Amino acid sequence: MKKIRNLLLLLAIVSLVGLPLLAAAGSADLPGPDGKAVWNYITKVKPYHGWALWPDKGKFYKGQHPHGALLTTYVSPGALKTIKDKSGSFPDGTFIVKENYSPKKMLGAVTVMYRINGYNADAGDWFWAKYGGNGKIMAEGKVAGCTNCHQAKIMNDWVFTGPVK
């Protein structure tokens, strides 16, 4: 009985101390506010095609300008938790990756919202990027077109899909 109690105590200590350390270590490989580094991260380090789709959206849902006629949106694990819990604010390190398609399902662009703590407080700390279907950077950083449009949804943490609150 004493061995079991000691084992349970050890497991409790490891979970209290170890899990936060593991979570912090997982974020150490996040890219900075750089379009090339973000593209590398979402396509090679943590490929977004392995992430969940935005809940209840599926592939090729109807889009609107300036995005494609059809959209597919992937969300990183932290983003998915926020969406499901409606906890109101996406955590730092969140990625929302939207594939923008033509009516004939031809990939035209990939647009990314990436939350970086302290990056741009005036725009919710979101880093914005737009890539061609081949990964070529078309826009990155504090993109005025993105922030000006998404500001309309500031109360939904800058996202049109949701709600997340």
Protein backbone atom coordinates (compact mmCIF):
# COMPACT_ATOMS: atom_id res chain seq x y z
CA MET A 1 0.00 0.00 0.00
CA LYS A 2 2.86 2.35 0.88
CA LYS A 3 4.49 1.71 -2.53
CA ILE A 4 1.26 2.59 -4.33
CA ARG A 5 0.84 5.77 -2.27
CA ASN A 6 4.45 6.77 -3.02
CA LEU A 7 3.95 6.05 -6.71
CA LEU A 8 0.79 8.19 -6.78
CA LEU A 9 2.61 10.99 -4.97
CA LEU A 10 5.46 10.82 -7.46
CA LEU A 11 3.02 10.91 -10.39
CA ALA A 12 1.26 13.92 -8.88
CA ILE A 13 4.56 15.79 -8.47
CA VAL A 14 5.68 14.95 -12.00
CA SER A 15 2.37 16.13 -13.45
CA LEU A 16 2.43 19.39 -11.48
CA VAL A 17 6.03 20.20 -12.35
CA GLY A 18 6.61 18.34 -15.61
CA LEU A 19 3.53 19.19 -17.66
CA PRO A 20 4.02 22.97 -17.54
CA LEU A 21 7.66 22.45 -18.51
CA LEU A 22 6.61 20.27 -21.44
CA ALA A 23 4.09 22.88 -22.57
CA ALA A 24 6.71 25.60 -22.41
CA ALA A 25 9.21 23.45 -24.28
CA GLY A 26 6.65 22.86 -27.04
CA SER A 27 6.40 26.59 -27.71
CA ALA A 28 10.17 27.10 -27.93
CA ASP A 29 10.18 26.15 -31.61
CA LEU A 30 7.56 28.75 -32.60
CA PRO A 31 8.72 31.14 -35.31
CA GLY A 32 9.13 34.86 -34.87
CA PRO A 33 7.25 37.44 -36.96
CA ASP A 34 8.79 36.41 -40.27
CA GLY A 35 6.86 35.17 -43.29
CA LYS A 36 9.49 32.66 -44.38
CA ALA A 37 9.84 31.22 -40.85
CA VAL A 38 6.06 31.00 -40.45
CA TRP A 39 5.69 29.17 -43.77
CA ASN A 40 8.44 26.74 -42.79
CA TYR A 41 6.77 26.13 -39.43
CA ILE A 42 3.28 25.46 -40.79
CA THR A 43 4.47 23.31 -43.70
CA LYS A 44 7.49 21.44 -42.30
CA VAL A 45 7.84 21.74 -38.50
CA LYS A 46 4.13 21.40 -37.59
CA PRO A 47 2.32 20.83 -40.91
CA TYR A 48 -1.08 22.47 -40.76
CA HIS A 49 -2.71 19.76 -42.86
CA GLY A 50 -2.43 17.62 -39.73
CA TRP A 51 -4.43 20.13 -37.66
CA ALA A 52 -8.18 20.13 -37.23
CA LEU A 53 -10.48 21.98 -39.57
CA TRP A 54 -12.44 24.86 -38.08
CA PRO A 55 -15.34 23.07 -36.34
CA ASP A 56 -18.55 22.84 -38.37
CA LYS A 57 -16.90 24.24 -41.51
CA GLY A 58 -15.41 21.30 -43.38
CA LYS A 59 -13.55 21.69 -46.65
CA PHE A 60 -14.55 24.09 -49.40
CA TYR A 61 -17.08 26.21 -47.55
CA LYS A 62 -18.33 29.40 -49.15
CA GLY A 63 -15.92 32.32 -48.89
CA GLN A 64 -16.00 35.97 -49.77
CA HIS A 65 -13.67 38.75 -50.93
CA PRO A 66 -10.76 39.21 -50.35
CA HIS A 67 -10.41 35.49 -49.70
CA GLY A 68 -11.43 32.86 -52.19
CA ALA A 69 -14.84 31.73 -53.36
CA LEU A 70 -14.22 28.53 -51.40
CA LEU A 71 -12.25 28.19 -48.19
CA THR A 72 -10.71 25.50 -46.01
CA THR A 73 -9.57 26.65 -42.56
CA TYR A 74 -7.18 24.75 -40.32
CA VAL A 75 -6.58 25.63 -36.67
CA SER A 76 -3.69 24.80 -34.38
CA PRO A 77 -4.51 22.76 -31.25
CA GLY A 78 -4.67 25.80 -28.94
CA ALA A 79 -7.00 27.55 -31.35
CA LEU A 80 -9.26 24.51 -31.52
CA LYS A 81 -9.56 24.45 -27.74
CA THR A 82 -10.51 28.15 -27.68
CA ILE A 83 -13.15 27.62 -30.38
CA LYS A 84 -14.68 24.60 -28.68
CA ASP A 85 -14.62 26.15 -25.20
CA LYS A 86 -15.66 29.60 -26.47
CA SER A 87 -13.03 30.86 -24.03
CA GLY A 88 -12.86 34.22 -25.75
CA SER A 89 -9.24 34.76 -26.60
CA PHE A 90 -6.83 32.73 -28.63
CA PRO A 91 -3.59 31.93 -26.80
CA ASP A 92 -0.17 33.07 -27.92
CA GLY A 93 1.17 30.69 -30.54
CA THR A 94 -2.25 30.25 -32.16
CA PHE A 95 -2.33 29.66 -35.91
CA ILE A 96 -5.36 29.99 -38.15
CA VAL A 97 -4.50 28.87 -41.69
CA LYS A 98 -7.00 29.48 -44.46
CA GLU A 99 -6.66 27.99 -47.92
CA ASN A 100 -8.32 30.29 -50.47
CA TYR A 101 -9.75 28.56 -53.56
CA SER A 102 -11.32 29.61 -56.84
CA PRO A 103 -14.84 28.39 -57.70
CA LYS A 104 -13.13 25.51 -59.59
CA LYS A 105 -11.25 24.51 -56.41
CA MET A 106 -7.89 25.82 -57.59
CA LEU A 107 -5.72 26.98 -54.68
CA GLY A 108 -5.08 30.69 -55.07
CA ALA A 109 -3.54 31.62 -51.74
CA VAL A 110 -2.94 30.57 -48.17
CA THR A 111 -3.63 33.23 -45.55
CA VAL A 112 -2.40 32.99 -41.97
CA MET A 113 -3.20 34.63 -38.66
CA TYR A 114 -0.54 33.92 -36.04
CA ARG A 115 -0.73 35.34 -32.51
CA ILE A 116 2.61 36.52 -31.13
CA ASN A 117 2.69 38.02 -27.65
CA GLY A 118 3.77 41.65 -27.81
CA TYR A 119 4.00 41.75 -31.60
CA ASN A 120 1.31 44.30 -32.42
CA ALA A 121 -1.01 45.29 -29.56
CA ASP A 122 -3.01 47.58 -31.88
CA ALA A 123 -4.08 44.53 -33.90
CA GLY A 124 -4.56 41.94 -31.17
CA ASP A 125 -0.93 40.77 -31.44
CA TRP A 126 -1.76 39.05 -34.73
CA PHE A 127 0.91 38.54 -37.37
CA TRP A 128 -0.69 38.31 -40.80
CA ALA A 129 0.64 36.56 -43.88
CA LYS A 130 -0.54 35.75 -47.36
CA TYR A 131 1.22 33.18 -49.51
CA GLY A 132 0.71 32.11 -53.09
CA GLY A 133 -0.28 28.49 -53.62
CA ASN A 134 3.44 27.77 -54.07
CA GLY A 135 4.37 29.32 -50.71
CA LYS A 136 5.69 32.59 -52.13
CA ILE A 137 5.17 35.45 -49.68
CA MET A 138 2.65 37.95 -51.02
CA ALA A 139 2.19 39.94 -47.79
CA GLU A 140 3.43 39.58 -44.21
CA GLY A 141 3.55 41.33 -40.87
CA LYS A 142 1.33 44.21 -39.87
CA VAL A 143 -0.71 44.09 -43.08
CA ALA A 144 -3.06 47.09 -43.13
CA GLY A 145 -5.64 45.40 -45.35
CA CYS A 146 -5.92 42.50 -42.93
CA THR A 147 -6.03 44.53 -39.74
CA ASN A 148 -8.43 47.14 -41.15
CA CYS A 149 -10.89 44.46 -42.22
CA HIS A 150 -10.57 42.18 -39.19
CA GLN A 151 -10.89 45.11 -36.79
CA ALA A 152 -14.63 44.84 -37.42
CA LYS A 153 -14.47 41.60 -35.40
CA ILE A 154 -12.29 42.84 -32.55
CA MET A 155 -14.90 41.63 -30.05
CA ASN A 156 -14.50 38.10 -31.48
CA ASP A 157 -10.70 38.21 -31.11
CA TRP A 158 -10.31 39.56 -34.66
CA VAL A 159 -11.86 36.54 -36.42
CA PHE A 160 -14.97 36.43 -38.60
CA THR A 161 -15.71 32.76 -38.05
CA GLY A 162 -17.02 31.78 -34.69
CA PRO A 163 -18.04 32.94 -32.23
CA VAL A 164 -15.08 32.28 -29.98
CA LYS A 165 -16.60 34.18 -27.04
